[in-house]
Amino acid sequence: MILPRDIDEEKFEHCKDVVRGVIGEDKYISDKTQEILMIIYSLGQDYTDGTVETFAWNYV
């Protein structure tokens, strides 16, 4: 799995929990979280819970 810069496994798991709170349990939650984080990174945003949640809502 390729993660954006500044994201380690622990931060990824935390972000995955935030995304799961929006999307719900999904067998592709890791892939969706990775895609959301890559979008956030490409736009130069931070990885705060609010940012991840907002992008997750827009992803759905």
C-alpha atoms as a PDB file:
ATOM      1  CA  MET A   1       0.000   0.000   0.000  1.00  0.00           C
ATOM      2  CA  ILE A   2       1.321   3.416  -0.914  1.00  0.00           C
ATOM      3  CA  LEU A   3       0.586   6.098   1.655  1.00  0.00           C
ATOM      4  CA  PRO A   4       1.003   9.849   1.298  1.00  0.00           C
ATOM      5  CA  ARG A   5       3.952  11.520   2.917  1.00  0.00           C
ATOM      6  CA  ASP A   6       3.574  12.164   6.673  1.00  0.00           C
ATOM      7  CA  ILE A   7       1.190   9.220   7.093  1.00  0.00           C
ATOM      8  CA  ASP A   8       2.467   6.268   9.066  1.00  0.00           C
ATOM      9  CA  GLU A   9       0.578   3.069   9.837  1.00  0.00           C
ATOM     10  CA  GLU A  10      -0.771   4.438  13.128  1.00  0.00           C
ATOM     11  CA  LYS A  11      -2.113   7.632  11.523  1.00  0.00           C
ATOM     12  CA  PHE A  12      -3.562   5.581   8.659  1.00  0.00           C
ATOM     13  CA  GLU A  13      -5.484   3.390  11.117  1.00  0.00           C
ATOM     14  CA  HIS A  14      -6.819   6.500  12.864  1.00  0.00           C
ATOM     15  CA  CYS A  15      -7.903   8.028   9.539  1.00  0.00           C
ATOM     16  CA  LYS A  16      -9.506   4.720   8.598  1.00  0.00           C
ATOM     17  CA  ASP A  17     -11.605   4.907  11.774  1.00  0.00           C
ATOM     18  CA  VAL A  18     -12.714   8.429  10.821  1.00  0.00           C
ATOM     19  CA  VAL A  19     -13.660   7.283   7.307  1.00  0.00           C
ATOM     20  CA  ARG A  20     -15.459   4.240   8.746  1.00  0.00           C
ATOM     21  CA  GLY A  21     -17.532   6.631  10.870  1.00  0.00           C
ATOM     22  CA  VAL A  22     -18.798   8.273   7.675  1.00  0.00           C
ATOM     23  CA  ILE A  23     -19.010   5.359   5.246  1.00  0.00           C
ATOM     24  CA  GLY A  24     -19.733   2.551   7.687  1.00  0.00           C
ATOM     25  CA  GLU A  25     -18.147  -0.873   7.683  1.00  0.00           C
ATOM     26  CA  ASP A  26     -16.984  -1.753   4.205  1.00  0.00           C
ATOM     27  CA  LYS A  27     -14.696  -4.501   2.964  1.00  0.00           C
ATOM     28  CA  TYR A  28     -12.814  -1.904   0.890  1.00  0.00           C
ATOM     29  CA  ILE A  29     -12.413   0.626   3.723  1.00  0.00           C
ATOM     30  CA  SER A  30      -8.598   0.532   3.504  1.00  0.00           C
ATOM     31  CA  ASP A  31      -8.637   1.235  -0.228  1.00  0.00           C
ATOM     32  CA  LYS A  32     -11.173   4.032   0.153  1.00  0.00           C
ATOM     33  CA  THR A  33      -9.202   5.575   3.019  1.00  0.00           C
ATOM     34  CA  GLN A  34      -6.010   5.431   0.974  1.00  0.00           C
ATOM     35  CA  GLU A  35      -7.736   7.140  -1.960  1.00  0.00           C
ATOM     36  CA  ILE A  36      -9.192   9.853   0.292  1.00  0.00           C
ATOM     37  CA  LEU A  37      -5.780  10.499   1.874  1.00  0.00           C
ATOM     38  CA  MET A  38      -4.152  10.743  -1.566  1.00  0.00           C
ATOM     39  CA  ILE A  39      -6.770  13.320  -2.625  1.00  0.00           C
ATOM     40  CA  ILE A  40      -6.162  15.301   0.568  1.00  0.00           C
ATOM     41  CA  TYR A  41      -2.409  15.156  -0.034  1.00  0.00           C
ATOM     42  CA  SER A  42      -2.725  16.246  -3.679  1.00  0.00           C
ATOM     43  CA  LEU A  43      -4.701  19.310  -2.608  1.00  0.00           C
ATOM     44  CA  GLY A  44      -2.157  20.217   0.068  1.00  0.00           C
ATOM     45  CA  GLN A  45      -4.551  19.845   2.986  1.00  0.00           C
ATOM     46  CA  ASP A  46      -3.783  18.505   6.443  1.00  0.00           C
ATOM     47  CA  TYR A  47      -4.928  15.182   7.895  1.00  0.00           C
ATOM     48  CA  THR A  48      -6.979  16.445  10.817  1.00  0.00           C
ATOM     49  CA  ASP A  49     -10.113  14.528  11.719  1.00  0.00           C
ATOM     50  CA  GLY A  50     -12.300  17.316  10.346  1.00  0.00           C
ATOM     51  CA  THR A  51     -10.537  17.354   6.996  1.00  0.00           C
ATOM     52  CA  VAL A  52     -10.629  13.570   6.627  1.00  0.00           C
ATOM     53  CA  GLU A  53     -14.304  13.502   7.595  1.00  0.00           C
ATOM     54  CA  THR A  54     -15.203  16.259   5.130  1.00  0.00           C
ATOM     55  CA  PHE A  55     -13.422  14.509   2.270  1.00  0.00           C
ATOM     56  CA  ALA A  56     -15.027  11.197   3.251  1.00  0.00           C
ATOM     57  CA  TRP A  57     -18.488  12.777   3.068  1.00  0.00           C
ATOM     58  CA  ASN A  58     -17.666  14.189  -0.359  1.00  0.00           C
ATOM     59  CA  TYR A  59     -16.283  10.807  -1.436  1.00  0.00           C
ATOM     60  CA  VAL A  60     -19.591   9.102  -0.701  1.00  0.00           C
END
